[in-house]
């Protein structure tokens, strides 16, 4: 049966990550889990203070000023003060764990066979080390997809379709495939709400990269920033806009991965 299906061309290849790729995927997922614990610890502290009638009036929560404000709070009962202090220590432990895992990703990345692709992807605006490492660790070799549309479909960023007869109806994205990459891409898409420009931090990430990679990054900025502004002018919701930007962003990632395979880039 397998031989007949193979002869008919009805078998599709399944990508099996190697041990090194799977290890980096475990590391990026461990950081993601630690980040989730940090978020829940913050939510517990805010909920506890809100029950007591305390609301921070500053501009940015979890800044130094916010922590100083929390330190000035004195609860009337010793038990409540203990709960607050223990919650703050739990948050500090989660933050230290995130920092430690991030440092480990930095340290182990040069030894990874796909480190060149990870560094090249960071030439894109909004694509930091964590976004690039998570994408490559979860997807693997991006060039195994024949077109960027296949990558978009693999990540569940294409619209769902409910068509019948001559009517074509498209709904929300399918959300199939890898949710880890889909989440970091949507977070990276928020960077394109601002006008296109090469900031100092982005310029530092592009140092030493081939010119054609930087050119792809600039084309991505010009297109995605303009698209964000155009969709916003049409009255589209920001969540829908960032999803559309993330869908096209992964196409530019695929283009960079393909460019890295060319002899002049290698």
C-alpha atoms as a PDB file:
ATOM      1  CA  UNK A   1       0.000   0.000   0.000  1.00  0.00           C
ATOM      2  CA  UNK A   2       2.818   2.423   0.825  1.00  0.00           C
ATOM      3  CA  UNK A   3       4.544   1.612  -2.448  1.00  0.00           C
ATOM      4  CA  UNK A   4       1.364   2.248  -4.430  1.00  0.00           C
ATOM      5  CA  UNK A   5       0.706   5.531  -2.594  1.00  0.00           C
ATOM      6  CA  UNK A   6       4.297   6.632  -3.209  1.00  0.00           C
ATOM      7  CA  UNK A   7       3.992   5.815  -6.899  1.00  0.00           C
ATOM      8  CA  UNK A   8       0.774   7.829  -7.066  1.00  0.00           C
ATOM      9  CA  UNK A   9       2.458  10.790  -5.361  1.00  0.00           C
ATOM     10  CA  UNK A  10       0.012  10.824  -2.459  1.00  0.00           C
ATOM     11  CA  UNK A  11       2.623  10.595   0.293  1.00  0.00           C
ATOM     12  CA  UNK A  12       3.955  13.758   1.905  1.00  0.00           C
ATOM     13  CA  UNK A  13       7.250  14.103   3.705  1.00  0.00           C
ATOM     14  CA  UNK A  14       7.244  14.630   7.463  1.00  0.00           C
ATOM     15  CA  UNK A  15       9.907  16.876   8.949  1.00  0.00           C
ATOM     16  CA  UNK A  16      11.761  15.238  11.844  1.00  0.00           C
ATOM     17  CA  UNK A  17      13.983  17.637  13.814  1.00  0.00           C
ATOM     18  CA  UNK A  18      17.463  16.500  14.717  1.00  0.00           C
ATOM     19  CA  UNK A  19      18.633  16.235  18.328  1.00  0.00           C
ATOM     20  CA  UNK A  20      20.311  19.659  18.243  1.00  0.00           C
ATOM     21  CA  UNK A  21      17.218  21.404  16.886  1.00  0.00           C
ATOM     22  CA  UNK A  22      14.981  19.690  19.415  1.00  0.00           C
ATOM     23  CA  UNK A  23      17.295  20.714  22.256  1.00  0.00           C
ATOM     24  CA  UNK A  24      17.148  24.384  21.234  1.00  0.00           C
ATOM     25  CA  UNK A  25      13.377  24.100  20.950  1.00  0.00           C
ATOM     26  CA  UNK A  26      13.212  22.787  24.525  1.00  0.00           C
ATOM     27  CA  UNK A  27      15.342  25.716  25.682  1.00  0.00           C
ATOM     28  CA  UNK A  28      13.180  28.362  24.002  1.00  0.00           C
ATOM     29  CA  UNK A  29      10.032  26.707  25.340  1.00  0.00           C
ATOM     30  CA  UNK A  30      11.513  26.651  28.850  1.00  0.00           C
ATOM     31  CA  UNK A  31      12.011  30.414  28.611  1.00  0.00           C
ATOM     32  CA  UNK A  32       8.472  30.833  27.339  1.00  0.00           C
ATOM     33  CA  UNK A  33       7.155  28.844  30.316  1.00  0.00           C
ATOM     34  CA  UNK A  34       9.204  30.984  32.707  1.00  0.00           C
ATOM     35  CA  UNK A  35       7.831  34.118  31.058  1.00  0.00           C
ATOM     36  CA  UNK A  36       4.319  32.786  31.578  1.00  0.00           C
ATOM     37  CA  UNK A  37       5.002  32.164  35.261  1.00  0.00           C
ATOM     38  CA  UNK A  38       6.329  35.713  35.560  1.00  0.00           C
ATOM     39  CA  UNK A  39       3.161  37.083  33.978  1.00  0.00           C
ATOM     40  CA  UNK A  40       0.925  35.117  36.344  1.00  0.00           C
ATOM     41  CA  UNK A  41       2.986  36.255  39.343  1.00  0.00           C
ATOM     42  CA  UNK A  42       2.433  39.868  38.305  1.00  0.00           C
ATOM     43  CA  UNK A  43      -1.279  39.256  37.900  1.00  0.00           C
ATOM     44  CA  UNK A  44      -1.527  37.761  41.383  1.00  0.00           C
ATOM     45  CA  UNK A  45       0.223  40.780  42.936  1.00  0.00           C
ATOM     46  CA  UNK A  46      -1.982  43.270  41.107  1.00  0.00           C
ATOM     47  CA  UNK A  47      -5.113  41.328  42.035  1.00  0.00           C
ATOM     48  CA  UNK A  48      -4.053  41.207  45.700  1.00  0.00           C
ATOM     49  CA  UNK A  49      -3.400  44.957  45.806  1.00  0.00           C
ATOM     50  CA  UNK A  50      -6.642  45.706  43.983  1.00  0.00           C
ATOM     51  CA  UNK A  51      -8.619  43.752  46.579  1.00  0.00           C
ATOM     52  CA  UNK A  52      -7.026  45.937  49.240  1.00  0.00           C
ATOM     53  CA  UNK A  53      -7.969  49.109  47.367  1.00  0.00           C
ATOM     54  CA  UNK A  54      -4.500  49.966  46.025  1.00  0.00           C
ATOM     55  CA  UNK A  55      -4.205  51.067  42.402  1.00  0.00           C
ATOM     56  CA  UNK A  56      -0.960  52.345  40.892  1.00  0.00           C
ATOM     57  CA  UNK A  57      -1.399  55.749  39.247  1.00  0.00           C
ATOM     58  CA  UNK A  58       1.958  55.828  37.469  1.00  0.00           C
ATOM     59  CA  UNK A  59       2.528  55.562  33.751  1.00  0.00           C
ATOM     60  CA  UNK A  60       4.377  52.249  33.409  1.00  0.00           C
ATOM     61  CA  UNK A  61       3.701  49.294  35.711  1.00  0.00           C
ATOM     62  CA  UNK A  62       6.541  47.074  36.914  1.00  0.00           C
ATOM     63  CA  UNK A  63       9.080  49.850  36.532  1.00  0.00           C
ATOM     64  CA  UNK A  64      11.459  50.900  39.286  1.00  0.00           C
ATOM     65  CA  UNK A  65       8.982  53.546  40.377  1.00  0.00           C
ATOM     66  CA  UNK A  66       6.255  50.919  40.567  1.00  0.00           C
ATOM     67  CA  UNK A  67       8.368  48.645  42.763  1.00  0.00           C
ATOM     68  CA  UNK A  68       9.250  51.592  45.002  1.00  0.00           C
ATOM     69  CA  UNK A  69       5.548  52.355  45.335  1.00  0.00           C
ATOM     70  CA  UNK A  70       4.814  48.760  46.337  1.00  0.00           C
ATOM     71  CA  UNK A  71       7.620  48.898  48.911  1.00  0.00           C
ATOM     72  CA  UNK A  72       5.947  51.867  50.622  1.00  0.00           C
ATOM     73  CA  UNK A  73       2.693  49.965  51.161  1.00  0.00           C
ATOM     74  CA  UNK A  74       2.084  48.799  54.717  1.00  0.00           C
ATOM     75  CA  UNK A  75      -0.684  46.325  55.318  1.00  0.00           C
ATOM     76  CA  UNK A  76      -2.686  46.559  58.550  1.00  0.00           C
ATOM     77  CA  UNK A  77      -2.392  42.838  59.294  1.00  0.00           C
ATOM     78  CA  UNK A  78       0.962  40.977  59.419  1.00  0.00           C
ATOM     79  CA  UNK A  79      -0.446  38.071  57.383  1.00  0.00           C
ATOM     80  CA  UNK A  80      -1.245  40.364  54.458  1.00  0.00           C
ATOM     81  CA  UNK A  81       2.241  41.850  54.560  1.00  0.00           C
ATOM     82  CA  UNK A  82       3.728  38.346  54.467  1.00  0.00           C
ATOM     83  CA  UNK A  83       1.596  37.426  51.448  1.00  0.00           C
ATOM     84  CA  UNK A  84       2.716  40.542  49.589  1.00  0.00           C
ATOM     85  CA  UNK A  85       6.385  39.970  50.367  1.00  0.00           C
ATOM     86  CA  UNK A  86       6.262  36.301  49.399  1.00  0.00           C
ATOM     87  CA  UNK A  87       4.547  37.218  46.125  1.00  0.00           C
ATOM     88  CA  UNK A  88       7.249  39.774  45.354  1.00  0.00           C
ATOM     89  CA  UNK A  89       9.967  37.211  46.038  1.00  0.00           C
ATOM     90  CA  UNK A  90       8.218  34.709  43.752  1.00  0.00           C
ATOM     91  CA  UNK A  91       8.110  37.349  41.023  1.00  0.00           C
ATOM     92  CA  UNK A  92      11.809  38.094  41.513  1.00  0.00           C
ATOM     93  CA  UNK A  93      12.627  34.396  41.198  1.00  0.00           C
ATOM     94  CA  UNK A  94      10.643  34.151  37.944  1.00  0.00           C
ATOM     95  CA  UNK A  95      12.407  37.210  36.516  1.00  0.00           C
ATOM     96  CA  UNK A  96      15.807  35.773  37.380  1.00  0.00           C
ATOM     97  CA  UNK A  97      14.877  32.506  35.722  1.00  0.00           C
ATOM     98  CA  UNK A  98      13.880  34.323  32.523  1.00  0.00           C
ATOM     99  CA  UNK A  99      17.180  36.221  32.520  1.00  0.00           C
ATOM    100  CA  UNK A 100      19.152  33.015  33.113  1.00  0.00           C
ATOM    101  CA  UNK A 101      17.430  31.128  30.287  1.00  0.00           C
ATOM    102  CA  UNK A 102      17.907  34.093  27.936  1.00  0.00           C
ATOM    103  CA  UNK A 103      21.620  34.079  28.728  1.00  0.00           C
ATOM    104  CA  UNK A 104      21.768  30.359  27.967  1.00  0.00           C
ATOM    105  CA  UNK A 105      20.168  30.952  24.563  1.00  0.00           C
ATOM    106  CA  UNK A 106      22.798  33.616  23.861  1.00  0.00           C
ATOM    107  CA  UNK A 107      25.592  31.265  24.939  1.00  0.00           C
ATOM    108  CA  UNK A 108      24.461  28.167  23.023  1.00  0.00           C
ATOM    109  CA  UNK A 109      23.331  29.904  19.841  1.00  0.00           C
ATOM    110  CA  UNK A 110      26.822  30.116  18.190  1.00  0.00           C
ATOM    111  CA  UNK A 111      27.143  26.319  18.464  1.00  0.00           C
ATOM    112  CA  UNK A 112      23.856  25.689  16.656  1.00  0.00           C
ATOM    113  CA  UNK A 113      23.918  24.709  12.996  1.00  0.00           C
ATOM    114  CA  UNK A 114      21.127  27.209  12.232  1.00  0.00           C
ATOM    115  CA  UNK A 115      22.746  30.117  14.059  1.00  0.00           C
ATOM    116  CA  UNK A 116      23.463  31.992  10.802  1.00  0.00           C
ATOM    117  CA  UNK A 117      19.784  31.961   9.891  1.00  0.00           C
ATOM    118  CA  UNK A 118      18.808  33.138  13.378  1.00  0.00           C
ATOM    119  CA  UNK A 119      21.217  36.050  13.139  1.00  0.00           C
ATOM    120  CA  UNK A 120      20.008  36.950   9.646  1.00  0.00           C
ATOM    121  CA  UNK A 121      16.362  36.978  10.758  1.00  0.00           C
ATOM    122  CA  UNK A 122      17.225  39.542  13.424  1.00  0.00           C
ATOM    123  CA  UNK A 123      17.821  42.048  10.637  1.00  0.00           C
ATOM    124  CA  UNK A 124      14.027  42.397  10.472  1.00  0.00           C
ATOM    125  CA  UNK A 125      12.332  45.014  12.581  1.00  0.00           C
ATOM    126  CA  UNK A 126      10.667  43.556  15.660  1.00  0.00           C
ATOM    127  CA  UNK A 127      12.487  40.237  15.300  1.00  0.00           C
ATOM    128  CA  UNK A 128      14.739  40.053  18.347  1.00  0.00           C
ATOM    129  CA  UNK A 129      16.906  37.116  19.371  1.00  0.00           C
ATOM    130  CA  UNK A 130      14.029  35.370  21.150  1.00  0.00           C
ATOM    131  CA  UNK A 131      11.641  35.762  18.204  1.00  0.00           C
ATOM    132  CA  UNK A 132      14.223  34.524  15.692  1.00  0.00           C
ATOM    133  CA  UNK A 133      15.430  31.634  17.855  1.00  0.00           C
ATOM    134  CA  UNK A 134      11.879  30.531  18.650  1.00  0.00           C
ATOM    135  CA  UNK A 135      10.867  30.618  14.985  1.00  0.00           C
ATOM    136  CA  UNK A 136      13.844  28.603  13.751  1.00  0.00           C
ATOM    137  CA  UNK A 137      13.769  26.168  16.686  1.00  0.00           C
ATOM    138  CA  UNK A 138      10.077  25.409  16.159  1.00  0.00           C
ATOM    139  CA  UNK A 139       9.951  25.401  12.360  1.00  0.00           C
ATOM    140  CA  UNK A 140      13.457  24.163  11.592  1.00  0.00           C
ATOM    141  CA  UNK A 141      14.762  24.813   8.093  1.00  0.00           C
ATOM    142  CA  UNK A 142      12.438  27.448   6.627  1.00  0.00           C
ATOM    143  CA  UNK A 143      13.593  26.619   3.101  1.00  0.00           C
ATOM    144  CA  UNK A 144      11.908  23.224   3.280  1.00  0.00           C
ATOM    145  CA  UNK A 145       8.729  25.048   2.286  1.00  0.00           C
ATOM    146  CA  UNK A 146       8.372  25.574  -1.454  1.00  0.00           C
ATOM    147  CA  UNK A 147       6.695  28.977  -1.042  1.00  0.00           C
ATOM    148  CA  UNK A 148       5.950  31.470   1.730  1.00  0.00           C
ATOM    149  CA  UNK A 149       2.257  30.596   1.419  1.00  0.00           C
ATOM    150  CA  UNK A 150       3.049  27.086   2.622  1.00  0.00           C
ATOM    151  CA  UNK A 151       4.841  28.552   5.638  1.00  0.00           C
ATOM    152  CA  UNK A 152       1.890  30.827   6.383  1.00  0.00           C
ATOM    153  CA  UNK A 153      -0.462  27.856   6.209  1.00  0.00           C
ATOM    154  CA  UNK A 154       1.839  25.764   8.390  1.00  0.00           C
ATOM    155  CA  UNK A 155       1.763  28.445  11.091  1.00  0.00           C
ATOM    156  CA  UNK A 156      -2.023  28.848  10.917  1.00  0.00           C
ATOM    157  CA  UNK A 157      -1.863  32.484   9.787  1.00  0.00           C
ATOM    158  CA  UNK A 158      -4.048  32.082   6.690  1.00  0.00           C
ATOM    159  CA  UNK A 159      -7.784  32.868   6.788  1.00  0.00           C
ATOM    160  CA  UNK A 160     -10.220  30.023   7.182  1.00  0.00           C
ATOM    161  CA  UNK A 161     -12.598  29.482   4.280  1.00  0.00           C
ATOM    162  CA  UNK A 162     -16.239  28.409   4.203  1.00  0.00           C
ATOM    163  CA  UNK A 163     -17.153  28.471   0.527  1.00  0.00           C
ATOM    164  CA  UNK A 164     -20.124  26.894  -1.173  1.00  0.00           C
ATOM    165  CA  UNK A 165     -20.919  27.021  -4.866  1.00  0.00           C
ATOM    166  CA  UNK A 166     -20.064  30.421  -6.251  1.00  0.00           C
ATOM    167  CA  UNK A 167     -19.831  32.080  -2.838  1.00  0.00           C
ATOM    168  CA  UNK A 168     -16.462  32.582  -1.167  1.00  0.00           C
ATOM    169  CA  UNK A 169     -16.525  33.232   2.553  1.00  0.00           C
ATOM    170  CA  UNK A 170     -13.377  33.701   4.594  1.00  0.00           C
ATOM    171  CA  UNK A 171     -13.237  33.886   8.352  1.00  0.00           C
ATOM    172  CA  UNK A 172     -10.591  34.228  11.038  1.00  0.00           C
ATOM    173  CA  UNK A 173      -7.191  32.559  10.781  1.00  0.00           C
ATOM    174  CA  UNK A 174      -7.097  28.779  11.037  1.00  0.00           C
ATOM    175  CA  UNK A 175      -4.743  28.746  14.073  1.00  0.00           C
ATOM    176  CA  UNK A 176      -3.453  25.358  12.995  1.00  0.00           C
ATOM    177  CA  UNK A 177       0.173  24.369  13.274  1.00  0.00           C
ATOM    178  CA  UNK A 178       2.681  25.828  15.684  1.00  0.00           C
ATOM    179  CA  UNK A 179       1.179  28.274  18.172  1.00  0.00           C
ATOM    180  CA  UNK A 180       4.547  29.227  19.681  1.00  0.00           C
ATOM    181  CA  UNK A 181       5.784  30.812  16.443  1.00  0.00           C
ATOM    182  CA  UNK A 182       2.398  32.375  15.739  1.00  0.00           C
ATOM    183  CA  UNK A 183       2.449  34.130  19.122  1.00  0.00           C
ATOM    184  CA  UNK A 184       5.967  35.595  18.767  1.00  0.00           C
ATOM    185  CA  UNK A 185       5.286  36.735  15.189  1.00  0.00           C
ATOM    186  CA  UNK A 186       2.163  38.614  16.246  1.00  0.00           C
ATOM    187  CA  UNK A 187       4.156  40.250  19.037  1.00  0.00           C
ATOM    188  CA  UNK A 188       6.851  41.233  16.529  1.00  0.00           C
ATOM    189  CA  UNK A 189       4.210  42.677  14.191  1.00  0.00           C
ATOM    190  CA  UNK A 190       3.431  45.453  16.687  1.00  0.00           C
ATOM    191  CA  UNK A 191       6.775  47.087  15.813  1.00  0.00           C
ATOM    192  CA  UNK A 192       5.430  48.016  12.371  1.00  0.00           C
ATOM    193  CA  UNK A 193       2.801  50.400  13.738  1.00  0.00           C
ATOM    194  CA  UNK A 194       5.499  53.107  13.716  1.00  0.00           C
ATOM    195  CA  UNK A 195       7.018  54.761  10.616  1.00  0.00           C
ATOM    196  CA  UNK A 196       9.736  52.863   8.786  1.00  0.00           C
ATOM    197  CA  UNK A 197      13.260  53.645   9.972  1.00  0.00           C
ATOM    198  CA  UNK A 198      16.477  51.860  10.906  1.00  0.00           C
ATOM    199  CA  UNK A 199      16.960  52.479  14.610  1.00  0.00           C
ATOM    200  CA  UNK A 200      20.298  52.241  16.394  1.00  0.00           C
ATOM    201  CA  UNK A 201      19.411  48.880  17.907  1.00  0.00           C
ATOM    202  CA  UNK A 202      18.353  47.488  14.525  1.00  0.00           C
ATOM    203  CA  UNK A 203      21.502  48.862  12.929  1.00  0.00           C
ATOM    204  CA  UNK A 204      23.591  47.048  15.519  1.00  0.00           C
ATOM    205  CA  UNK A 205      21.797  43.780  14.745  1.00  0.00           C
ATOM    206  CA  UNK A 206      22.480  44.258  11.029  1.00  0.00           C
ATOM    207  CA  UNK A 207      26.220  44.799  11.422  1.00  0.00           C
ATOM    208  CA  UNK A 208      28.193  42.220   9.470  1.00  0.00           C
ATOM    209  CA  UNK A 209      25.188  40.886   7.555  1.00  0.00           C
ATOM    210  CA  UNK A 210      25.177  40.700   3.730  1.00  0.00           C
ATOM    211  CA  UNK A 211      23.747  43.652   1.852  1.00  0.00           C
ATOM    212  CA  UNK A 212      20.963  41.625   0.250  1.00  0.00           C
ATOM    213  CA  UNK A 213      19.684  40.574   3.687  1.00  0.00           C
ATOM    214  CA  UNK A 214      19.546  44.197   4.864  1.00  0.00           C
ATOM    215  CA  UNK A 215      17.773  45.116   1.626  1.00  0.00           C
ATOM    216  CA  UNK A 216      15.073  42.533   2.291  1.00  0.00           C
ATOM    217  CA  UNK A 217      14.681  43.931   5.808  1.00  0.00           C
ATOM    218  CA  UNK A 218      14.197  47.462   4.477  1.00  0.00           C
ATOM    219  CA  UNK A 219      11.663  46.312   1.869  1.00  0.00           C
ATOM    220  CA  UNK A 220       9.782  44.570   4.679  1.00  0.00           C
ATOM    221  CA  UNK A 221       9.667  47.788   6.679  1.00  0.00           C
ATOM    222  CA  UNK A 222       8.429  49.856   3.747  1.00  0.00           C
ATOM    223  CA  UNK A 223       5.669  47.403   2.911  1.00  0.00           C
ATOM    224  CA  UNK A 224       4.521  46.383   6.389  1.00  0.00           C
ATOM    225  CA  UNK A 225       4.558  49.869   7.928  1.00  0.00           C
ATOM    226  CA  UNK A 226       2.531  51.197   4.998  1.00  0.00           C
ATOM    227  CA  UNK A 227       0.145  48.256   5.202  1.00  0.00           C
ATOM    228  CA  UNK A 228      -0.388  48.781   8.924  1.00  0.00           C
ATOM    229  CA  UNK A 229      -1.200  52.448   8.347  1.00  0.00           C
ATOM    230  CA  UNK A 230      -3.500  51.646   5.429  1.00  0.00           C
ATOM    231  CA  UNK A 231      -5.484  49.009   7.328  1.00  0.00           C
ATOM    232  CA  UNK A 232      -5.753  51.290  10.356  1.00  0.00           C
ATOM    233  CA  UNK A 233      -7.178  54.052   8.148  1.00  0.00           C
ATOM    234  CA  UNK A 234      -9.851  51.616   6.950  1.00  0.00           C
ATOM    235  CA  UNK A 235     -10.998  51.153  10.554  1.00  0.00           C
ATOM    236  CA  UNK A 236      -9.703  47.614  11.001  1.00  0.00           C
ATOM    237  CA  UNK A 237      -9.161  46.331  14.547  1.00  0.00           C
ATOM    238  CA  UNK A 238      -5.557  46.396  15.733  1.00  0.00           C
ATOM    239  CA  UNK A 239      -5.615  42.654  16.488  1.00  0.00           C
ATOM    240  CA  UNK A 240      -6.639  41.936  12.906  1.00  0.00           C
ATOM    241  CA  UNK A 241      -3.968  44.287  11.580  1.00  0.00           C
ATOM    242  CA  UNK A 242      -1.148  42.725  13.594  1.00  0.00           C
ATOM    243  CA  UNK A 243      -2.244  39.267  12.446  1.00  0.00           C
ATOM    244  CA  UNK A 244      -2.111  40.382   8.817  1.00  0.00           C
ATOM    245  CA  UNK A 245       1.324  41.935   9.387  1.00  0.00           C
ATOM    246  CA  UNK A 246       2.563  38.746  11.071  1.00  0.00           C
ATOM    247  CA  UNK A 247       1.403  36.712   8.069  1.00  0.00           C
ATOM    248  CA  UNK A 248       3.481  38.810   5.687  1.00  0.00           C
ATOM    249  CA  UNK A 249       6.391  38.999   8.140  1.00  0.00           C
ATOM    250  CA  UNK A 250       6.871  35.240   8.004  1.00  0.00           C
ATOM    251  CA  UNK A 251       7.032  35.553   4.197  1.00  0.00           C
ATOM    252  CA  UNK A 252       9.971  37.942   4.527  1.00  0.00           C
ATOM    253  CA  UNK A 253      11.570  35.495   6.964  1.00  0.00           C
ATOM    254  CA  UNK A 254      11.262  32.795   4.313  1.00  0.00           C
ATOM    255  CA  UNK A 255      12.857  35.141   1.766  1.00  0.00           C
ATOM    256  CA  UNK A 256      15.821  35.779   4.078  1.00  0.00           C
ATOM    257  CA  UNK A 257      16.275  32.059   4.711  1.00  0.00           C
ATOM    258  CA  UNK A 258      16.280  31.435   0.964  1.00  0.00           C
ATOM    259  CA  UNK A 259      18.781  34.262   0.449  1.00  0.00           C
ATOM    260  CA  UNK A 260      21.097  32.684   3.019  1.00  0.00           C
ATOM    261  CA  UNK A 261      21.356  29.608   0.809  1.00  0.00           C
ATOM    262  CA  UNK A 262      22.718  31.517  -2.174  1.00  0.00           C
ATOM    263  CA  UNK A 263      26.497  31.193  -2.761  1.00  0.00           C
ATOM    264  CA  UNK A 264      27.197  34.930  -2.503  1.00  0.00           C
ATOM    265  CA  UNK A 265      25.445  35.091   0.889  1.00  0.00           C
ATOM    266  CA  UNK A 266      26.996  31.901   2.223  1.00  0.00           C
END
